[in-house]
């Protein structure tokens, strides 16, 4: 979620495992042992206040279970790339704002 809205992303095990260096099954097992059913795994809780860059599939899902969600195709944790992307995005966003608020 950001200051304008929120979106639900679906990250499948292969991509999540590379992000957390742990399989999703192992992460859930550890969370249930340490915090009981419904506990948020520590690995996920540590993502709060971090900036990540996601390449997201925008075509609608044909699976009803994932309606209103977006599949994550790639996750970038490289701070240099994220900084470059943010600088470019902020610059483009400023140009759009200037032309639409005339």
N, C-alpha and C. Protein backbone atom coordinates (compact mmCIF):
# COMPACT_ATOMS: atom_id res chain seq x y z
N UNK A 1 0.85 -1.17 0.00
CA UNK A 1 0.00 0.00 0.00
C UNK A 1 0.90 1.23 0.00
N UNK A 2 0.48 2.25 -0.71
CA UNK A 2 1.18 3.52 -0.65
C UNK A 2 0.18 4.60 -0.23
N UNK A 3 0.55 5.83 -0.38
CA UNK A 3 -0.33 6.89 0.10
C UNK A 3 -1.52 7.14 -0.81
N UNK A 4 -1.64 6.45 -1.93
CA UNK A 4 -2.75 6.68 -2.84
C UNK A 4 -3.74 5.54 -2.89
N UNK A 5 -3.30 4.31 -2.69
CA UNK A 5 -4.18 3.17 -2.82
C UNK A 5 -3.44 1.92 -2.39
N UNK A 6 -4.01 0.76 -2.63
CA UNK A 6 -3.34 -0.49 -2.32
C UNK A 6 -3.58 -1.48 -3.45
N UNK A 7 -2.75 -2.51 -3.49
CA UNK A 7 -2.88 -3.56 -4.49
C UNK A 7 -2.43 -4.86 -3.86
N UNK A 8 -3.00 -5.95 -4.31
CA UNK A 8 -2.61 -7.27 -3.83
C UNK A 8 -1.75 -7.94 -4.89
N UNK A 9 -0.57 -8.37 -4.47
CA UNK A 9 0.35 -9.05 -5.36
C UNK A 9 0.41 -10.51 -4.97
N UNK A 10 0.50 -11.38 -5.97
CA UNK A 10 0.66 -12.81 -5.74
C UNK A 10 2.10 -13.16 -6.09
N UNK A 11 2.83 -13.66 -5.10
CA UNK A 11 4.22 -14.07 -5.31
C UNK A 11 4.26 -15.58 -5.10
N UNK A 12 4.58 -16.30 -6.15
CA UNK A 12 4.63 -17.76 -6.04
C UNK A 12 5.92 -18.21 -5.39
N UNK A 13 5.94 -19.46 -4.97
CA UNK A 13 7.01 -20.00 -4.12
C UNK A 13 8.41 -19.78 -4.67
N UNK A 14 8.61 -19.97 -5.96
CA UNK A 14 9.95 -19.84 -6.53
C UNK A 14 10.51 -18.44 -6.29
N UNK A 15 9.69 -17.41 -6.58
CA UNK A 15 10.14 -16.03 -6.40
C UNK A 15 10.25 -15.67 -4.92
N UNK A 16 9.29 -16.13 -4.12
CA UNK A 16 9.33 -15.85 -2.69
C UNK A 16 10.54 -16.52 -2.05
N UNK A 17 10.84 -17.73 -2.46
CA UNK A 17 12.00 -18.44 -1.92
C UNK A 17 13.29 -17.69 -2.20
N UNK A 18 13.41 -17.11 -3.39
CA UNK A 18 14.63 -16.35 -3.70
C UNK A 18 14.68 -15.06 -2.90
N UNK A 19 13.54 -14.47 -2.59
CA UNK A 19 13.50 -13.25 -1.79
C UNK A 19 13.84 -13.52 -0.33
N UNK A 20 13.32 -14.61 0.21
CA UNK A 20 13.48 -14.91 1.64
C UNK A 20 14.59 -15.92 1.95
N UNK A 21 15.17 -16.53 0.90
CA UNK A 21 16.16 -17.59 1.09
C UNK A 21 15.59 -18.73 1.94
N UNK A 22 14.32 -19.02 1.73
CA UNK A 22 13.62 -20.04 2.50
C UNK A 22 12.36 -20.39 1.73
N UNK A 23 12.00 -21.67 1.69
CA UNK A 23 10.77 -22.03 0.99
C UNK A 23 9.57 -21.52 1.78
N UNK A 24 8.48 -21.30 1.09
CA UNK A 24 7.27 -20.81 1.75
C UNK A 24 6.77 -21.82 2.78
N UNK A 25 6.86 -23.11 2.45
CA UNK A 25 6.42 -24.15 3.39
C UNK A 25 7.24 -24.08 4.69
N UNK A 26 8.56 -23.93 4.57
CA UNK A 26 9.42 -23.83 5.75
C UNK A 26 9.12 -22.57 6.55
N UNK A 27 8.84 -21.48 5.84
CA UNK A 27 8.52 -20.22 6.51
C UNK A 27 7.21 -20.35 7.31
N UNK A 28 6.21 -20.96 6.71
CA UNK A 28 4.92 -21.14 7.39
C UNK A 28 5.06 -22.08 8.58
N UNK A 29 5.82 -23.16 8.40
CA UNK A 29 6.06 -24.09 9.52
C UNK A 29 6.70 -23.37 10.70
N UNK A 30 7.73 -22.58 10.43
CA UNK A 30 8.43 -21.86 11.50
C UNK A 30 7.50 -20.86 12.17
N UNK A 31 6.68 -20.16 11.39
CA UNK A 31 5.75 -19.17 11.96
C UNK A 31 4.72 -19.85 12.86
N UNK A 32 4.24 -21.01 12.44
CA UNK A 32 3.24 -21.72 13.25
C UNK A 32 3.86 -22.26 14.54
N UNK A 33 5.10 -22.71 14.47
CA UNK A 33 5.78 -23.19 15.69
C UNK A 33 6.04 -22.05 16.66
N UNK A 34 6.41 -20.89 16.11
CA UNK A 34 6.81 -19.77 16.96
C UNK A 34 5.65 -18.87 17.39
N UNK A 35 4.62 -18.79 16.58
CA UNK A 35 3.56 -17.84 16.92
C UNK A 35 2.16 -18.40 16.84
N UNK A 36 2.01 -19.64 16.46
CA UNK A 36 0.69 -20.22 16.35
C UNK A 36 0.03 -19.92 15.01
N UNK A 37 -1.16 -20.45 14.83
CA UNK A 37 -1.90 -20.29 13.58
C UNK A 37 -2.19 -18.82 13.33
N UNK A 38 -2.04 -18.39 12.10
CA UNK A 38 -2.31 -17.01 11.73
C UNK A 38 -1.18 -16.04 11.98
N UNK A 39 -0.07 -16.52 12.51
CA UNK A 39 1.08 -15.65 12.78
C UNK A 39 1.73 -15.21 11.47
N UNK A 40 2.18 -13.97 11.43
CA UNK A 40 2.90 -13.47 10.27
C UNK A 40 4.35 -13.89 10.39
N UNK A 41 4.87 -14.59 9.37
CA UNK A 41 6.27 -15.00 9.43
C UNK A 41 7.21 -13.79 9.58
N UNK A 42 8.28 -13.98 10.35
CA UNK A 42 9.26 -12.92 10.58
C UNK A 42 9.81 -12.36 9.27
N UNK A 43 10.03 -13.25 8.30
CA UNK A 43 10.60 -12.82 7.02
C UNK A 43 9.68 -11.80 6.33
N UNK A 44 8.38 -12.00 6.44
CA UNK A 44 7.44 -11.06 5.84
C UNK A 44 7.38 -9.78 6.66
N UNK A 45 7.34 -9.90 7.97
CA UNK A 45 7.30 -8.73 8.85
C UNK A 45 8.51 -7.83 8.61
N UNK A 46 9.67 -8.41 8.26
CA UNK A 46 10.88 -7.62 8.02
C UNK A 46 10.81 -6.80 6.74
N UNK A 47 9.83 -7.08 5.89
CA UNK A 47 9.68 -6.31 4.65
C UNK A 47 9.07 -4.93 4.89
N UNK A 48 8.41 -4.75 6.03
CA UNK A 48 7.76 -3.48 6.34
C UNK A 48 8.82 -2.37 6.34
N UNK A 49 8.48 -1.26 5.72
CA UNK A 49 9.34 -0.08 5.62
C UNK A 49 10.53 -0.28 4.67
N UNK A 50 10.58 -1.40 3.93
CA UNK A 50 11.61 -1.60 2.92
C UNK A 50 11.04 -1.25 1.56
N UNK A 51 11.91 -0.86 0.65
CA UNK A 51 11.49 -0.55 -0.71
C UNK A 51 11.99 -1.66 -1.62
N UNK A 52 11.06 -2.24 -2.37
CA UNK A 52 11.37 -3.26 -3.36
C UNK A 52 10.77 -2.81 -4.69
N UNK A 53 11.29 -3.34 -5.77
CA UNK A 53 10.77 -3.03 -7.10
C UNK A 53 10.21 -4.32 -7.68
N UNK A 54 8.95 -4.27 -8.10
CA UNK A 54 8.29 -5.45 -8.63
C UNK A 54 7.97 -5.26 -10.11
N UNK A 55 8.25 -6.28 -10.90
CA UNK A 55 7.75 -6.34 -12.27
C UNK A 55 6.46 -7.14 -12.16
N UNK A 56 5.35 -6.52 -12.53
CA UNK A 56 4.04 -7.10 -12.27
C UNK A 56 3.30 -7.37 -13.57
N UNK A 57 2.66 -8.51 -13.63
CA UNK A 57 1.81 -8.87 -14.77
C UNK A 57 0.48 -8.14 -14.60
N UNK A 58 0.08 -7.39 -15.60
CA UNK A 58 -1.14 -6.59 -15.45
C UNK A 58 -2.36 -7.20 -16.12
N UNK A 59 -2.20 -8.30 -16.85
CA UNK A 59 -3.38 -8.89 -17.47
C UNK A 59 -4.25 -9.54 -16.39
N UNK A 60 -5.55 -9.50 -16.56
CA UNK A 60 -6.44 -10.07 -15.55
C UNK A 60 -6.24 -11.57 -15.38
N UNK A 61 -6.36 -12.03 -14.15
CA UNK A 61 -6.23 -13.44 -13.86
C UNK A 61 -7.49 -14.18 -14.29
N UNK A 62 -7.32 -15.38 -14.81
CA UNK A 62 -8.49 -16.19 -15.16
C UNK A 62 -8.90 -17.08 -14.00
N UNK A 63 -8.14 -17.04 -12.93
CA UNK A 63 -8.44 -17.84 -11.74
C UNK A 63 -9.23 -16.97 -10.76
N UNK A 64 -10.43 -17.41 -10.41
CA UNK A 64 -11.30 -16.64 -9.51
C UNK A 64 -10.65 -16.37 -8.17
N UNK A 65 -9.81 -17.30 -7.68
CA UNK A 65 -9.15 -17.13 -6.38
C UNK A 65 -8.22 -15.92 -6.36
N UNK A 66 -7.70 -15.56 -7.53
CA UNK A 66 -6.73 -14.46 -7.60
C UNK A 66 -7.31 -13.22 -8.26
N UNK A 67 -8.64 -13.11 -8.29
CA UNK A 67 -9.28 -11.93 -8.86
C UNK A 67 -8.86 -10.69 -8.08
N UNK A 68 -8.63 -9.59 -8.78
CA UNK A 68 -8.19 -8.33 -8.18
C UNK A 68 -6.77 -8.42 -7.62
N UNK A 69 -5.96 -9.32 -8.14
CA UNK A 69 -4.57 -9.41 -7.74
C UNK A 69 -3.68 -9.31 -8.97
N UNK A 70 -2.41 -9.08 -8.74
CA UNK A 70 -1.44 -8.98 -9.82
C UNK A 70 -0.29 -9.92 -9.53
N UNK A 71 0.09 -10.72 -10.54
CA UNK A 71 1.18 -11.67 -10.35
C UNK A 71 2.53 -10.97 -10.48
N UNK A 72 3.36 -11.20 -9.50
CA UNK A 72 4.71 -10.65 -9.53
C UNK A 72 5.57 -11.55 -10.42
N UNK A 73 6.19 -10.95 -11.42
CA UNK A 73 7.04 -11.70 -12.34
C UNK A 73 8.51 -11.63 -11.95
N UNK A 74 8.91 -10.53 -11.32
CA UNK A 74 10.31 -10.38 -10.93
C UNK A 74 10.37 -9.42 -9.74
N UNK A 75 11.30 -9.70 -8.83
CA UNK A 75 11.50 -8.87 -7.65
C UNK A 75 12.93 -8.34 -7.67
N UNK A 76 13.07 -7.03 -7.52
CA UNK A 76 14.40 -6.42 -7.48
C UNK A 76 14.63 -5.87 -6.08
N UNK A 77 15.75 -6.24 -5.49
CA UNK A 77 16.13 -5.74 -4.17
C UNK A 77 17.39 -4.87 -4.24
N UNK A 78 17.92 -4.67 -5.43
CA UNK A 78 19.14 -3.89 -5.64
C UNK A 78 18.83 -2.40 -5.43
N UNK A 79 19.39 -1.82 -4.38
CA UNK A 79 19.09 -0.43 -4.01
C UNK A 79 19.50 0.57 -5.09
N UNK A 80 20.56 0.27 -5.85
CA UNK A 80 21.00 1.17 -6.92
C UNK A 80 19.96 1.22 -8.03
N UNK A 81 19.47 0.07 -8.44
CA UNK A 81 18.45 0.01 -9.49
C UNK A 81 17.16 0.67 -9.02
N UNK A 82 16.77 0.40 -7.78
CA UNK A 82 15.55 0.99 -7.23
C UNK A 82 15.67 2.52 -7.20
N UNK A 83 16.82 3.03 -6.80
CA UNK A 83 17.06 4.47 -6.74
C UNK A 83 16.96 5.09 -8.15
N UNK A 84 17.56 4.43 -9.14
CA UNK A 84 17.50 4.92 -10.53
C UNK A 84 16.06 4.92 -11.04
N UNK A 85 15.34 3.84 -10.77
CA UNK A 85 13.95 3.76 -11.20
C UNK A 85 13.12 4.86 -10.56
N UNK A 86 13.29 5.05 -9.26
CA UNK A 86 12.53 6.07 -8.53
C UNK A 86 12.83 7.46 -9.06
N UNK A 87 14.09 7.76 -9.33
CA UNK A 87 14.47 9.07 -9.86
C UNK A 87 13.81 9.31 -11.22
N UNK A 88 13.82 8.30 -12.08
CA UNK A 88 13.21 8.43 -13.40
C UNK A 88 11.70 8.58 -13.26
N UNK A 89 11.09 7.76 -12.40
CA UNK A 89 9.64 7.81 -12.22
C UNK A 89 9.22 9.18 -11.66
N UNK A 90 9.93 9.65 -10.64
CA UNK A 90 9.60 10.95 -10.04
C UNK A 90 9.70 12.06 -11.08
N UNK A 91 10.72 12.00 -11.93
CA UNK A 91 10.92 13.00 -12.96
C UNK A 91 9.78 12.96 -13.98
N UNK A 92 9.40 11.75 -14.44
CA UNK A 92 8.32 11.61 -15.40
C UNK A 92 6.99 12.03 -14.79
N UNK A 93 6.78 11.68 -13.53
CA UNK A 93 5.54 12.04 -12.84
C UNK A 93 5.42 13.56 -12.73
N UNK A 94 6.53 14.25 -12.46
CA UNK A 94 6.53 15.71 -12.36
C UNK A 94 6.16 16.33 -13.70
N UNK A 95 6.66 15.79 -14.79
CA UNK A 95 6.35 16.31 -16.13
C UNK A 95 4.87 16.14 -16.41
N UNK A 96 4.32 14.98 -16.08
CA UNK A 96 2.89 14.73 -16.30
C UNK A 96 2.06 15.71 -15.48
N UNK A 97 2.42 15.92 -14.23
CA UNK A 97 1.69 16.84 -13.36
C UNK A 97 1.72 18.26 -13.93
N UNK A 98 2.85 18.68 -14.44
CA UNK A 98 2.98 20.03 -14.98
C UNK A 98 2.10 20.21 -16.21
N UNK A 99 1.99 19.20 -17.06
CA UNK A 99 1.20 19.35 -18.28
C UNK A 99 -0.29 19.19 -18.04
N UNK A 100 -0.69 18.49 -16.99
CA UNK A 100 -2.12 18.30 -16.74
C UNK A 100 -2.70 19.35 -15.80
N UNK A 101 -1.85 20.09 -15.10
CA UNK A 101 -2.32 21.09 -14.15
C UNK A 101 -2.16 22.52 -14.69
N UNK A 102 -2.12 22.66 -16.00
CA UNK A 102 -1.92 23.99 -16.60
C UNK A 102 -3.18 24.81 -16.47
